[in-house]
Amino acid sequence: MTETRLSFKEMCARFDVTPRTLRYYEYIELLQPEKEGRSRFYGPREVARMKLILRGRRFGFSLEEIRQWLLIYGKKGERPQLLAWLQLADRQLVALEQQRKDLDAAIADLQALRETAVEELGKLPD
């Protein structure tokens, strides 16, 4: 069975990332593509890792947190990795809930200020 491999350019296009980003992820050891000469190829493992990296970034995790989490699987297996993930997720959920509260408060303040400006504008002569 032949595994599908993506070239460097295909990987960038598939995940809508810049070449610089992809090279950086390799530099900090989040990804380990196969190398043939100067060419890089990304197999199913690297594609799966890239999905996890981008999902983790979307959730607000740092690249270092993602790297440490991915390292756990290779060193200790799936159970410790899932336990570590639960701790990270719980912590991040608290942070995101606080961000939501902060955003809701900022939106409410801005809406009130806007309404005040509309009222003041209505009092001014044309």
PDB file of N, CA and C in Angstrom:
ATOM      1  N   MET A   1       0.830  -1.167   0.000  1.00  0.00           N
ATOM      2  CA  MET A   1       0.000   0.000   0.000  1.00  0.00           C
ATOM      3  C   MET A   1       0.886   1.246   0.000  1.00  0.00           C
ATOM      4  N   THR A   2       0.639   2.144  -0.920  1.00  0.00           N
ATOM      5  CA  THR A   2       1.422   3.361  -1.042  1.00  0.00           C
ATOM      6  C   THR A   2       0.789   4.476  -0.228  1.00  0.00           C
ATOM      7  N   GLU A   3       1.581   5.088   0.626  1.00  0.00           N
ATOM      8  CA  GLU A   3       1.088   6.202   1.421  1.00  0.00           C
ATOM      9  C   GLU A   3       1.132   7.472   0.577  1.00  0.00           C
ATOM     10  N   THR A   4       0.154   8.303   0.737  1.00  0.00           N
ATOM     11  CA  THR A   4       0.128   9.577   0.045  1.00  0.00           C
ATOM     12  C   THR A   4       1.064  10.541   0.740  1.00  0.00           C
ATOM     13  N   ARG A   5       1.893  11.173  -0.041  1.00  0.00           N
ATOM     14  CA  ARG A   5       2.807  12.168   0.504  1.00  0.00           C
ATOM     15  C   ARG A   5       2.525  13.497  -0.182  1.00  0.00           C
ATOM     16  N   LEU A   6       2.647  14.549   0.591  1.00  0.00           N
ATOM     17  CA  LEU A   6       2.472  15.880   0.046  1.00  0.00           C
ATOM     18  C   LEU A   6       3.825  16.563  -0.059  1.00  0.00           C
ATOM     19  N   SER A   7       4.005  17.307  -1.132  1.00  0.00           N
ATOM     20  CA  SER A   7       5.228  18.106  -1.251  1.00  0.00           C
ATOM     21  C   SER A   7       5.117  19.318  -0.340  1.00  0.00           C
ATOM     22  N   PHE A   8       6.194  20.026  -0.212  1.00  0.00           N
ATOM     23  CA  PHE A   8       6.218  21.238   0.608  1.00  0.00           C
ATOM     24  C   PHE A   8       5.149  22.221   0.128  1.00  0.00           C
ATOM     25  N   LYS A   9       5.106  22.433  -1.174  1.00  0.00           N
ATOM     26  CA  LYS A   9       4.143  23.367  -1.761  1.00  0.00           C
ATOM     27  C   LYS A   9       2.703  22.893  -1.547  1.00  0.00           C
ATOM     28  N   GLU A  10       2.465  21.598  -1.706  1.00  0.00           N
ATOM     29  CA  GLU A  10       1.122  21.044  -1.494  1.00  0.00           C
ATOM     30  C   GLU A  10       0.692  21.173  -0.033  1.00  0.00           C
ATOM     31  N   MET A  11       1.629  20.980   0.880  1.00  0.00           N
ATOM     32  CA  MET A  11       1.326  21.101   2.310  1.00  0.00           C
ATOM     33  C   MET A  11       0.932  22.541   2.646  1.00  0.00           C
ATOM     34  N   CYS A  12       1.674  23.491   2.108  1.00  0.00           N
ATOM     35  CA  CYS A  12       1.338  24.905   2.333  1.00  0.00           C
ATOM     36  C   CYS A  12      -0.058  25.211   1.801  1.00  0.00           C
ATOM     37  N   ALA A  13      -0.353  24.729   0.600  1.00  0.00           N
ATOM     38  CA  ALA A  13      -1.653  25.002  -0.005  1.00  0.00           C
ATOM     39  C   ALA A  13      -2.777  24.305   0.760  1.00  0.00           C
ATOM     40  N   ARG A  14      -2.573  23.068   1.137  1.00  0.00           N
ATOM     41  CA  ARG A  14      -3.626  22.323   1.827  1.00  0.00           C
ATOM     42  C   ARG A  14      -4.025  22.982   3.146  1.00  0.00           C
ATOM     43  N   PHE A  15      -3.056  23.513   3.871  1.00  0.00           N
ATOM     44  CA  PHE A  15      -3.332  24.082   5.187  1.00  0.00           C
ATOM     45  C   PHE A  15      -3.323  25.609   5.192  1.00  0.00           C
ATOM     46  N   ASP A  16      -3.166  26.192   4.015  1.00  0.00           N
ATOM     47  CA  ASP A  16      -3.187  27.652   3.870  1.00  0.00           C
ATOM     48  C   ASP A  16      -2.208  28.314   4.836  1.00  0.00           C
ATOM     49  N   VAL A  17      -0.981  27.831   4.819  1.00  0.00           N
ATOM     50  CA  VAL A  17       0.083  28.421   5.620  1.00  0.00           C
ATOM     51  C   VAL A  17       1.205  28.869   4.684  1.00  0.00           C
ATOM     52  N   THR A  18       2.015  29.776   5.174  1.00  0.00           N
ATOM     53  CA  THR A  18       3.132  30.259   4.374  1.00  0.00           C
ATOM     54  C   THR A  18       4.295  29.265   4.441  1.00  0.00           C
ATOM     55  N   PRO A  19       5.161  29.306   3.451  1.00  0.00           N
ATOM     56  CA  PRO A  19       6.358  28.465   3.526  1.00  0.00           C
ATOM     57  C   PRO A  19       7.178  28.739   4.787  1.00  0.00           C
ATOM     58  N   ARG A  20       7.224  29.997   5.185  1.00  0.00           N
ATOM     59  CA  ARG A  20       7.965  30.362   6.395  1.00  0.00           C
ATOM     60  C   ARG A  20       7.383  29.655   7.619  1.00  0.00           C
ATOM     61  N   THR A  21       6.051  29.608   7.713  1.00  0.00           N
ATOM     62  CA  THR A  21       5.396  28.934   8.836  1.00  0.00           C
ATOM     63  C   THR A  21       5.746  27.453   8.848  1.00  0.00           C
ATOM     64  N   LEU A  22       5.647  26.831   7.702  1.00  0.00           N
ATOM     65  CA  LEU A  22       5.932  25.394   7.611  1.00  0.00           C
ATOM     66  C   LEU A  22       7.382  25.099   7.979  1.00  0.00           C
ATOM     67  N   ARG A  23       8.298  25.922   7.497  1.00  0.00           N
ATOM     68  CA  ARG A  23       9.715  25.728   7.851  1.00  0.00           C
ATOM     69  C   ARG A  23       9.926  25.942   9.350  1.00  0.00           C
ATOM     70  N   TYR A  24       9.223  26.924   9.924  1.00  0.00           N
ATOM     71  CA  TYR A  24       9.357  27.183  11.357  1.00  0.00           C
ATOM     72  C   TYR A  24       8.847  25.996  12.170  1.00  0.00           C
ATOM     73  N   TYR A  25       7.719  25.425  11.782  1.00  0.00           N
ATOM     74  CA  TYR A  25       7.186  24.265  12.495  1.00  0.00           C
ATOM     75  C   TYR A  25       8.173  23.104  12.435  1.00  0.00           C
ATOM     76  N   GLU A  26       8.872  22.991  11.334  1.00  0.00           N
ATOM     77  CA  GLU A  26       9.907  21.961  11.236  1.00  0.00           C
ATOM     78  C   GLU A  26      11.088  22.321  12.144  1.00  0.00           C
ATOM     79  N   TYR A  27      11.488  23.574  12.147  1.00  0.00           N
ATOM     80  CA  TYR A  27      12.624  24.036  12.948  1.00  0.00           C
ATOM     81  C   TYR A  27      12.398  23.784  14.441  1.00  0.00           C
ATOM     82  N   ILE A  28      11.166  24.014  14.920  1.00  0.00           N
ATOM     83  CA  ILE A  28      10.889  23.807  16.351  1.00  0.00           C
ATOM     84  C   ILE A  28      10.408  22.382  16.633  1.00  0.00           C
ATOM     85  N   GLU A  29      10.562  21.524  15.653  1.00  0.00           N
ATOM     86  CA  GLU A  29      10.330  20.085  15.780  1.00  0.00           C
ATOM     87  C   GLU A  29       8.874  19.703  16.014  1.00  0.00           C
ATOM     88  N   LEU A  30       7.962  20.513  15.471  1.00  0.00           N
ATOM     89  CA  LEU A  30       6.558  20.111  15.475  1.00  0.00           C
ATOM     90  C   LEU A  30       6.297  19.145  14.320  1.00  0.00           C
ATOM     91  N   LEU A  31       7.011  19.342  13.242  1.00  0.00           N
ATOM     92  CA  LEU A  31       6.891  18.483  12.062  1.00  0.00           C
ATOM     93  C   LEU A  31       8.256  17.927  11.691  1.00  0.00           C
ATOM     94  N   GLN A  32       8.232  16.712  11.163  1.00  0.00           N
ATOM     95  CA  GLN A  32       9.470  16.074  10.730  1.00  0.00           C
ATOM     96  C   GLN A  32       9.240  15.433   9.366  1.00  0.00           C
ATOM     97  N   PRO A  33       9.279  16.241   8.308  1.00  0.00           N
ATOM     98  CA  PRO A  33       9.032  15.688   6.976  1.00  0.00           C
ATOM     99  C   PRO A  33      10.170  14.774   6.527  1.00  0.00           C
ATOM    100  N   GLU A  34       9.829  13.919   5.584  1.00  0.00           N
ATOM    101  CA  GLU A  34      10.871  13.100   4.961  1.00  0.00           C
ATOM    102  C   GLU A  34      11.629  14.017   4.013  1.00  0.00           C
ATOM    103  N   LYS A  35      12.939  13.839   3.950  1.00  0.00           N
ATOM    104  CA  LYS A  35      13.746  14.673   3.073  1.00  0.00           C
ATOM    105  C   LYS A  35      14.407  13.815   2.021  1.00  0.00           C
ATOM    106  N   GLU A  36      14.284  14.282   0.805  1.00  0.00           N
ATOM    107  CA  GLU A  36      14.966  13.648  -0.330  1.00  0.00           C
ATOM    108  C   GLU A  36      15.718  14.749  -1.042  1.00  0.00           C
ATOM    109  N   GLY A  37      17.013  14.818  -0.785  1.00  0.00           N
ATOM    110  CA  GLY A  37      17.792  15.937  -1.305  1.00  0.00           C
ATOM    111  C   GLY A  37      17.324  17.205  -0.613  1.00  0.00           C
ATOM    112  N   ARG A  38      16.921  18.178  -1.407  1.00  0.00           N
ATOM    113  CA  ARG A  38      16.423  19.426  -0.831  1.00  0.00           C
ATOM    114  C   ARG A  38      14.901  19.427  -0.722  1.00  0.00           C
ATOM    115  N   SER A  39      14.252  18.384  -1.200  1.00  0.00           N
ATOM    116  CA  SER A  39      12.794  18.311  -1.177  1.00  0.00           C
ATOM    117  C   SER A  39      12.296  17.741   0.142  1.00  0.00           C
ATOM    118  N   ARG A  40      11.138  18.224   0.557  1.00  0.00           N
ATOM    119  CA  ARG A  40      10.486  17.728   1.773  1.00  0.00           C
ATOM    120  C   ARG A  40       9.161  17.106   1.369  1.00  0.00           C
ATOM    121  N   PHE A  41       8.837  15.988   2.040  1.00  0.00           N
ATOM    122  CA  PHE A  41       7.561  15.319   1.788  1.00  0.00           C
ATOM    123  C   PHE A  41       6.891  15.012   3.114  1.00  0.00           C
ATOM    124  N   TYR A  42       5.593  15.232   3.131  1.00  0.00           N
ATOM    125  CA  TYR A  42       4.805  15.098   4.353  1.00  0.00           C
ATOM    126  C   TYR A  42       3.824  13.950   4.188  1.00  0.00           C
ATOM    127  N   GLY A  43       3.961  12.940   5.047  1.00  0.00           N
ATOM    128  CA  GLY A  43       3.094  11.776   5.022  1.00  0.00           C
ATOM    129  C   GLY A  43       1.890  11.967   5.930  1.00  0.00           C
ATOM    130  N   PRO A  44       1.099  10.908   6.092  1.00  0.00           N
ATOM    131  CA  PRO A  44      -0.109  10.980   6.914  1.00  0.00           C
ATOM    132  C   PRO A  44       0.146  11.433   8.352  1.00  0.00           C
ATOM    133  N   ARG A  45       1.264  11.009   8.937  1.00  0.00           N
ATOM    134  CA  ARG A  45       1.583  11.416  10.312  1.00  0.00           C
ATOM    135  C   ARG A  45       1.752  12.922  10.408  1.00  0.00           C
ATOM    136  N   GLU A  46       2.482  13.494   9.461  1.00  0.00           N
ATOM    137  CA  GLU A  46       2.731  14.933   9.491  1.00  0.00           C
ATOM    138  C   GLU A  46       1.458  15.723   9.176  1.00  0.00           C
ATOM    139  N   VAL A  47       0.624  15.183   8.299  1.00  0.00           N
ATOM    140  CA  VAL A  47      -0.655  15.832   7.989  1.00  0.00           C
ATOM    141  C   VAL A  47      -1.530  15.858   9.247  1.00  0.00           C
ATOM    142  N   ALA A  48      -1.586  14.744   9.963  1.00  0.00           N
ATOM    143  CA  ALA A  48      -2.374  14.675  11.201  1.00  0.00           C
ATOM    144  C   ALA A  48      -1.811  15.643  12.243  1.00  0.00           C
ATOM    145  N   ARG A  49      -0.499  15.705  12.358  1.00  0.00           N
ATOM    146  CA  ARG A  49       0.118  16.623  13.318  1.00  0.00           C
ATOM    147  C   ARG A  49      -0.187  18.072  12.950  1.00  0.00           C
ATOM    148  N   MET A  50      -0.170  18.366  11.655  1.00  0.00           N
ATOM    149  CA  MET A  50      -0.460  19.736  11.217  1.00  0.00           C
ATOM    150  C   MET A  50      -1.897  20.119  11.567  1.00  0.00           C
ATOM    151  N   LYS A  51      -2.818  19.188  11.414  1.00  0.00           N
ATOM    152  CA  LYS A  51      -4.214  19.452  11.810  1.00  0.00           C
ATOM    153  C   LYS A  51      -4.291  19.766  13.295  1.00  0.00           C
ATOM    154  N   LEU A  52      -3.575  18.996  14.113  1.00  0.00           N
ATOM    155  CA  LEU A  52      -3.566  19.234  15.555  1.00  0.00           C
ATOM    156  C   LEU A  52      -2.918  20.573  15.897  1.00  0.00           C
ATOM    157  N   ILE A  53      -1.849  20.904  15.213  1.00  0.00           N
ATOM    158  CA  ILE A  53      -1.163  22.174  15.462  1.00  0.00           C
ATOM    159  C   ILE A  53      -2.099  23.349  15.180  1.00  0.00           C
ATOM    160  N   LEU A  54      -2.740  23.319  14.026  1.00  0.00           N
ATOM    161  CA  LEU A  54      -3.606  24.430  13.648  1.00  0.00           C
ATOM    162  C   LEU A  54      -4.838  24.512  14.542  1.00  0.00           C
ATOM    163  N   ARG A  55      -5.360  23.384  14.920  1.00  0.00           N
ATOM    164  CA  ARG A  55      -6.498  23.372  15.849  1.00  0.00           C
ATOM    165  C   ARG A  55      -6.066  23.931  17.200  1.00  0.00           C
ATOM    166  N   GLY A  56      -4.904  23.510  17.683  1.00  0.00           N
ATOM    167  CA  GLY A  56      -4.389  24.019  18.943  1.00  0.00           C
ATOM    168  C   GLY A  56      -4.174  25.526  18.902  1.00  0.00           C
ATOM    169  N   ARG A  57      -3.656  26.033  17.799  1.00  0.00           N
ATOM    170  CA  ARG A  57      -3.452  27.480  17.651  1.00  0.00           C
ATOM    171  C   ARG A  57      -4.793  28.206  17.688  1.00  0.00           C
ATOM    172  N   ARG A  58      -5.790  27.629  17.015  1.00  0.00           N
ATOM    173  CA  ARG A  58      -7.122  28.239  17.002  1.00  0.00           C
ATOM    174  C   ARG A  58      -7.708  28.321  18.409  1.00  0.00           C
ATOM    175  N   PHE A  59      -7.399  27.345  19.242  1.00  0.00           N
ATOM    176  CA  PHE A  59      -7.894  27.318  20.615  1.00  0.00           C
ATOM    177  C   PHE A  59      -7.075  28.220  21.533  1.00  0.00           C
ATOM    178  N   GLY A  60      -5.972  28.761  21.027  1.00  0.00           N
ATOM    179  CA  GLY A  60      -5.173  29.694  21.814  1.00  0.00           C
ATOM    180  C   GLY A  60      -3.970  29.094  22.516  1.00  0.00           C
ATOM    181  N   PHE A  61      -3.615  27.868  22.189  1.00  0.00           N
ATOM    182  CA  PHE A  61      -2.442  27.256  22.804  1.00  0.00           C
ATOM    183  C   PHE A  61      -1.169  27.786  22.156  1.00  0.00           C
ATOM    184  N   SER A  62      -0.121  27.896  22.939  1.00  0.00           N
ATOM    185  CA  SER A  62       1.167  28.316  22.385  1.00  0.00           C
ATOM    186  C   SER A  62       1.777  27.148  21.611  1.00  0.00           C
ATOM    187  N   LEU A  63       2.710  27.478  20.728  1.00  0.00           N
ATOM    188  CA  LEU A  63       3.391  26.420  19.983  1.00  0.00           C
ATOM    189  C   LEU A  63       4.180  25.511  20.923  1.00  0.00           C
ATOM    190  N   GLU A  64       4.727  26.083  21.987  1.00  0.00           N
ATOM    191  CA  GLU A  64       5.469  25.263  22.948  1.00  0.00           C
ATOM    192  C   GLU A  64       4.547  24.286  23.662  1.00  0.00           C
ATOM    193  N   GLU A  65       3.344  24.720  24.024  1.00  0.00           N
ATOM    194  CA  GLU A  65       2.385  23.813  24.659  1.00  0.00           C
ATOM    195  C   GLU A  65       2.007  22.686  23.694  1.00  0.00           C
ATOM    196  N   ILE A  66       1.811  23.034  22.447  1.00  0.00           N
ATOM    197  CA  ILE A  66       1.464  22.024  21.436  1.00  0.00           C
ATOM    198  C   ILE A  66       2.621  21.055  21.258  1.00  0.00           C
ATOM    199  N   ARG A  67       3.833  21.581  21.192  1.00  0.00           N
ATOM    200  CA  ARG A  67       5.020  20.726  21.016  1.00  0.00           C
ATOM    201  C   ARG A  67       5.173  19.760  22.185  1.00  0.00           C
ATOM    202  N   GLN A  68       5.023  20.269  23.407  1.00  0.00           N
ATOM    203  CA  GLN A  68       5.144  19.408  24.587  1.00  0.00           C
ATOM    204  C   GLN A  68       4.063  18.327  24.583  1.00  0.00           C
ATOM    205  N   TRP A  69       2.852  18.718  24.223  1.00  0.00           N
ATOM    206  CA  TRP A  69       1.748  17.769  24.184  1.00  0.00           C
ATOM    207  C   TRP A  69       2.013  16.664  23.148  1.00  0.00           C
ATOM    208  N   LEU A  70       2.505  17.049  21.983  1.00  0.00           N
ATOM    209  CA  LEU A  70       2.806  16.050  20.948  1.00  0.00           C
ATOM    210  C   LEU A  70       3.960  15.138  21.369  1.00  0.00           C
ATOM    211  N   LEU A  71       4.911  15.669  22.113  1.00  0.00           N
ATOM    212  CA  LEU A  71       6.042  14.854  22.587  1.00  0.00           C
ATOM    213  C   LEU A  71       5.598  13.774  23.571  1.00  0.00           C
ATOM    214  N   ILE A  72       4.574  14.056  24.351  1.00  0.00           N
ATOM    215  CA  ILE A  72       4.100  13.082  25.348  1.00  0.00           C
ATOM    216  C   ILE A  72       3.701  11.781  24.673  1.00  0.00           C
ATOM    217  N   TYR A  73       3.004  11.877  23.540  1.00  0.00           N
ATOM    218  CA  TYR A  73       2.547  10.676  22.855  1.00  0.00           C
ATOM    219  C   TYR A  73       3.727   9.789  22.456  1.00  0.00           C
ATOM    220  N   GLY A  74       4.751  10.412  21.891  1.00  0.00           N
ATOM    221  CA  GLY A  74       5.914   9.643  21.448  1.00  0.00           C
ATOM    222  C   GLY A  74       6.687   9.008  22.590  1.00  0.00           C
ATOM    223  N   LYS A  75       6.674   9.636  23.760  1.00  0.00           N
ATOM    224  CA  LYS A  75       7.460   9.140  24.886  1.00  0.00           C
ATOM    225  C   LYS A  75       6.667   8.273  25.858  1.00  0.00           C
ATOM    226  N   LYS A  76       5.378   8.618  26.066  1.00  0.00           N
ATOM    227  CA  LYS A  76       4.620   7.942  27.116  1.00  0.00           C
ATOM    228  C   LYS A  76       3.353   7.253  26.635  1.00  0.00           C
ATOM    229  N   GLY A  77       2.902   7.529  25.419  1.00  0.00           N
ATOM    230  CA  GLY A  77       1.720   6.861  24.903  1.00  0.00           C
ATOM    231  C   GLY A  77       0.453   7.705  24.948  1.00  0.00           C
ATOM    232  N   GLU A  78      -0.630   7.062  24.557  1.00  0.00           N
ATOM    233  CA  GLU A  78      -1.891   7.765  24.368  1.00  0.00           C
ATOM    234  C   GLU A  78      -2.546   8.221  25.668  1.00  0.00           C
ATOM    235  N   ARG A  79      -2.557   7.373  26.707  1.00  0.00           N
ATOM    236  CA  ARG A  79      -3.240   7.738  27.955  1.00  0.00           C
ATOM    237  C   ARG A  79      -2.641   8.999  28.593  1.00  0.00           C
ATOM    238  N   PRO A  80      -1.334   9.057  28.799  1.00  0.00           N
ATOM    239  CA  PRO A  80      -0.757  10.283  29.361  1.00  0.00           C
ATOM    240  C   PRO A  80      -0.999  11.506  28.474  1.00  0.00           C
ATOM    241  N   GLN A  81      -0.982  11.280  27.165  1.00  0.00           N
ATOM    242  CA  GLN A  81      -1.230  12.388  26.248  1.00  0.00           C
ATOM    243  C   GLN A  81      -2.650  12.924  26.427  1.00  0.00           C
ATOM    244  N   LEU A  82      -3.609  12.028  26.552  1.00  0.00           N
ATOM    245  CA  LEU A  82      -4.994  12.460  26.738  1.00  0.00           C
ATOM    246  C   LEU A  82      -5.197  13.140  28.086  1.00  0.00           C
ATOM    247  N   LEU A  83      -4.544  12.654  29.124  1.00  0.00           N
ATOM    248  CA  LEU A  83      -4.632  13.304  30.433  1.00  0.00           C
ATOM    249  C   LEU A  83      -4.031  14.705  30.386  1.00  0.00           C
ATOM    250  N   ALA A  84      -2.906  14.838  29.711  1.00  0.00           N
ATOM    251  CA  ALA A  84      -2.285  16.159  29.560  1.00  0.00           C
ATOM    252  C   ALA A  84      -3.189  17.080  28.752  1.00  0.00           C
ATOM    253  N   TRP A  85      -3.817  16.518  27.725  1.00  0.00           N
ATOM    254  CA  TRP A  85      -4.737  17.302  26.899  1.00  0.00           C
ATOM    255  C   TRP A  85      -5.910  17.821  27.730  1.00  0.00           C
ATOM    256  N   LEU A  86      -6.445  16.990  28.594  1.00  0.00           N
ATOM    257  CA  LEU A  86      -7.564  17.424  29.432  1.00  0.00           C
ATOM    258  C   LEU A  86      -7.159  18.587  30.333  1.00  0.00           C
ATOM    259  N   GLN A  87      -5.963  18.529  30.890  1.00  0.00           N
ATOM    260  CA  GLN A  87      -5.483  19.636  31.732  1.00  0.00           C
ATOM    261  C   GLN A  87      -5.328  20.921  30.918  1.00  0.00           C
ATOM    262  N   LEU A  88      -4.741  20.804  29.731  1.00  0.00           N
ATOM    263  CA  LEU A  88      -4.588  21.969  28.865  1.00  0.00           C
ATOM    264  C   LEU A  88      -5.948  22.534  28.461  1.00  0.00           C
ATOM    265  N   ALA A  89      -6.860  21.640  28.079  1.00  0.00           N
ATOM    266  CA  ALA A  89      -8.187  22.070  27.633  1.00  0.00           C
ATOM    267  C   ALA A  89      -8.938  22.757  28.758  1.00  0.00           C
ATOM    268  N   ASP A  90      -8.906  22.202  29.957  1.00  0.00           N
ATOM    269  CA  ASP A  90      -9.606  22.804  31.089  1.00  0.00           C
ATOM    270  C   ASP A  90      -9.060  24.203  31.377  1.00  0.00           C
ATOM    271  N   ARG A  91      -7.753  24.335  31.373  1.00  0.00           N
ATOM    272  CA  ARG A  91      -7.143  25.634  31.617  1.00  0.00           C
ATOM    273  C   ARG A  91      -7.525  26.644  30.531  1.00  0.00           C
ATOM    274  N   GLN A  92      -7.508  26.193  29.283  1.00  0.00           N
ATOM    275  CA  GLN A  92      -7.807  27.093  28.174  1.00  0.00           C
ATOM    276  C   GLN A  92      -9.281  27.471  28.134  1.00  0.00           C
ATOM    277  N   LEU A  93     -10.158  26.559  28.527  1.00  0.00           N
ATOM    278  CA  LEU A  93     -11.584  26.883  28.585  1.00  0.00           C
ATOM    279  C   LEU A  93     -11.851  28.004  29.590  1.00  0.00           C
ATOM    280  N   VAL A  94     -11.180  27.967  30.716  1.00  0.00           N
ATOM    281  CA  VAL A  94     -11.317  29.041  31.705  1.00  0.00           C
ATOM    282  C   VAL A  94     -10.846  30.364  31.098  1.00  0.00           C
ATOM    283  N   ALA A  95      -9.717  30.350  30.427  1.00  0.00           N
ATOM    284  CA  ALA A  95      -9.176  31.570  29.819  1.00  0.00           C
ATOM    285  C   ALA A  95     -10.106  32.109  28.730  1.00  0.00           C
ATOM    286  N   LEU A  96     -10.647  31.209  27.905  1.00  0.00           N
ATOM    287  CA  LEU A  96     -11.551  31.642  26.836  1.00  0.00           C
ATOM    288  C   LEU A  96     -12.856  32.203  27.388  1.00  0.00           C
ATOM    289  N   GLU A  97     -13.362  31.606  28.460  1.00  0.00           N
ATOM    290  CA  GLU A  97     -14.579  32.133  29.099  1.00  0.00           C
ATOM    291  C   GLU A  97     -14.328  33.549  29.632  1.00  0.00           C
ATOM    292  N   GLN A  98     -13.158  33.778  30.201  1.00  0.00           N
ATOM    293  CA  GLN A  98     -12.820  35.119  30.688  1.00  0.00           C
ATOM    294  C   GLN A  98     -12.725  36.098  29.523  1.00  0.00           C
ATOM    295  N   GLN A  99     -12.129  35.661  28.428  1.00  0.00           N
ATOM    296  CA  GLN A  99     -12.044  36.516  27.240  1.00  0.00           C
ATOM    297  C   GLN A  99     -13.441  36.864  26.729  1.00  0.00           C
ATOM    298  N   ARG A 100     -14.343  35.893  26.754  1.00  0.00           N
ATOM    299  CA  ARG A 100     -15.712  36.127  26.318  1.00  0.00           C
ATOM    300  C   ARG A 100     -16.371  37.186  27.203  1.00  0.00           C
ATOM    301  N   LYS A 101     -16.204  37.056  28.514  1.00  0.00           N
ATOM    302  CA  LYS A 101     -16.773  38.041  29.444  1.00  0.00           C
ATOM    303  C   LYS A 101     -16.198  39.432  29.173  1.00  0.00           C
ATOM    304  N   ASP A 102     -14.887  39.488  28.964  1.00  0.00           N
ATOM    305  CA  ASP A 102     -14.240  40.769  28.680  1.00  0.00           C
ATOM    306  C   ASP A 102     -14.769  41.373  27.377  1.00  0.00           C
ATOM    307  N   LEU A 103     -14.933  40.543  26.355  1.00  0.00           N
ATOM    308  CA  LEU A 103     -15.476  41.021  25.080  1.00  0.00           C
ATOM    309  C   LEU A 103     -16.919  41.493  25.231  1.00  0.00           C
ATOM    310  N   ASP A 104     -17.732  40.734  25.945  1.00  0.00           N
ATOM    311  CA  ASP A 104     -19.127  41.130  26.167  1.00  0.00           C
ATOM    312  C   ASP A 104     -19.192  42.483  26.867  1.00  0.00           C
ATOM    313  N   ALA A 105     -18.335  42.696  27.851  1.00  0.00           N
ATOM    314  CA  ALA A 105     -18.309  43.971  28.572  1.00  0.00           C
ATOM    315  C   ALA A 105     -17.859  45.102  27.651  1.00  0.00           C
ATOM    316  N   ALA A 106     -16.846  44.861  26.842  1.00  0.00           N
ATOM    317  CA  ALA A 106     -16.354  45.884  25.918  1.00  0.00           C
ATOM    318  C   ALA A 106     -17.421  46.229  24.878  1.00  0.00           C
ATOM    319  N   ILE A 107     -18.133  45.227  24.370  1.00  0.00           N
ATOM    320  CA  ILE A 107     -19.204  45.459  23.396  1.00  0.00           C
ATOM    321  C   ILE A 107     -20.321  46.284  24.017  1.00  0.00           C
ATOM    322  N   ALA A 108     -20.706  45.924  25.221  1.00  0.00           N
ATOM    323  CA  ALA A 108     -21.768  46.665  25.912  1.00  0.00           C
ATOM    324  C   ALA A 108     -21.344  48.114  26.135  1.00  0.00           C
ATOM    325  N   ASP A 109     -20.117  48.355  26.558  1.00  0.00           N
ATOM    326  CA  ASP A 109     -19.621  49.715  26.771  1.00  0.00           C
ATOM    327  C   ASP A 109     -19.607  50.506  25.467  1.00  0.00           C
ATOM    328  N   LEU A 110     -19.138  49.881  24.411  1.00  0.00           N
ATOM    329  CA  LEU A 110     -19.075  50.556  23.114  1.00  0.00           C
ATOM    330  C   LEU A 110     -20.476  50.874  22.589  1.00  0.00           C
ATOM    331  N   GLN A 111     -21.421  49.936  22.744  1.00  0.00           N
ATOM    332  CA  GLN A 111     -22.787  50.192  22.310  1.00  0.00           C
ATOM    333  C   GLN A 111     -23.390  51.360  23.086  1.00  0.00           C
ATOM    334  N   ALA A 112     -23.170  51.408  24.396  1.00  0.00           N
ATOM    335  CA  ALA A 112     -23.694  52.497  25.215  1.00  0.00           C
ATOM    336  C   ALA A 112     -23.081  53.829  24.799  1.00  0.00           C
ATOM    337  N   LEU A 113     -21.789  53.840  24.553  1.00  0.00           N
ATOM    338  CA  LEU A 113     -21.112  55.059  24.126  1.00  0.00           C
ATOM    339  C   LEU A 113     -21.628  55.517  22.763  1.00  0.00           C
ATOM    340  N   ARG A 114     -21.875  54.570  21.882  1.00  0.00           N
ATOM    341  CA  ARG A 114     -22.417  54.897  20.566  1.00  0.00           C
ATOM    342  C   ARG A 114     -23.805  55.511  20.693  1.00  0.00           C
ATOM    343  N   GLU A 115     -24.640  54.914  21.530  1.00  0.00           N
ATOM    344  CA  GLU A 115     -25.998  55.437  21.738  1.00  0.00           C
ATOM    345  C   GLU A 115     -25.947  56.860  22.294  1.00  0.00           C
ATOM    346  N   THR A 116     -25.010  57.112  23.206  1.00  0.00           N
ATOM    347  CA  THR A 116     -24.839  58.459  23.753  1.00  0.00           C
ATOM    348  C   THR A 116     -24.439  59.432  22.645  1.00  0.00           C
ATOM    349  N   ALA A 117     -23.539  58.997  21.779  1.00  0.00           N
ATOM    350  CA  ALA A 117     -23.100  59.855  20.676  1.00  0.00           C
ATOM    351  C   ALA A 117     -24.262  60.159  19.732  1.00  0.00           C
ATOM    352  N   VAL A 118     -25.107  59.174  19.450  1.00  0.00           N
ATOM    353  CA  VAL A 118     -26.280  59.386  18.588  1.00  0.00           C
ATOM    354  C   VAL A 118     -27.228  60.400  19.233  1.00  0.00           C
ATOM    355  N   GLU A 119     -27.453  60.257  20.543  1.00  0.00           N
ATOM    356  CA  GLU A 119     -28.322  61.201  21.266  1.00  0.00           C
ATOM    357  C   GLU A 119     -27.747  62.615  21.213  1.00  0.00           C
ATOM    358  N   GLU A 120     -26.458  62.730  21.441  1.00  0.00           N
ATOM    359  CA  GLU A 120     -25.809  64.057  21.403  1.00  0.00           C
ATOM    360  C   GLU A 120     -25.870  64.651  20.008  1.00  0.00           C
ATOM    361  N   LEU A 121     -25.690  63.837  19.018  1.00  0.00           N
ATOM    362  CA  LEU A 121     -25.766  64.290  17.630  1.00  0.00           C
ATOM    363  C   LEU A 121     -27.168  64.817  17.317  1.00  0.00           C
ATOM    364  N   GLY A 122     -28.191  64.140  17.859  1.00  0.00           N
ATOM    365  CA  GLY A 122     -29.560  64.566  17.637  1.00  0.00           C
ATOM    366  C   GLY A 122     -29.877  65.903  18.280  1.00  0.00           C
ATOM    367  N   LYS A 123     -29.154  66.312  19.298  1.00  0.00           N
ATOM    368  CA  LYS A 123     -29.379  67.584  19.978  1.00  0.00           C
ATOM    369  C   LYS A 123     -28.700  68.758  19.247  1.00  0.00           C
ATOM    370  N   LEU A 124     -27.744  68.434  18.381  1.00  0.00           N
ATOM    371  CA  LEU A 124     -26.995  69.505  17.686  1.00  0.00           C
ATOM    372  C   LEU A 124     -27.796  70.015  16.494  1.00  0.00           C
ATOM    373  N   PRO A 125     -27.640  71.306  16.203  1.00  0.00           N
ATOM    374  CA  PRO A 125     -28.308  71.843  15.026  1.00  0.00           C
ATOM    375  C   PRO A 125     -27.666  71.287  13.749  1.00  0.00           C
ATOM    376  N   ASP A 126     -28.496  71.207  12.710  1.00  0.00           N
ATOM    377  CA  ASP A 126     -27.991  70.693  11.432  1.00  0.00           C
ATOM    378  C   ASP A 126     -27.056  71.625  10.804  1.00  0.00           C
TER     379      ASP A 126
END
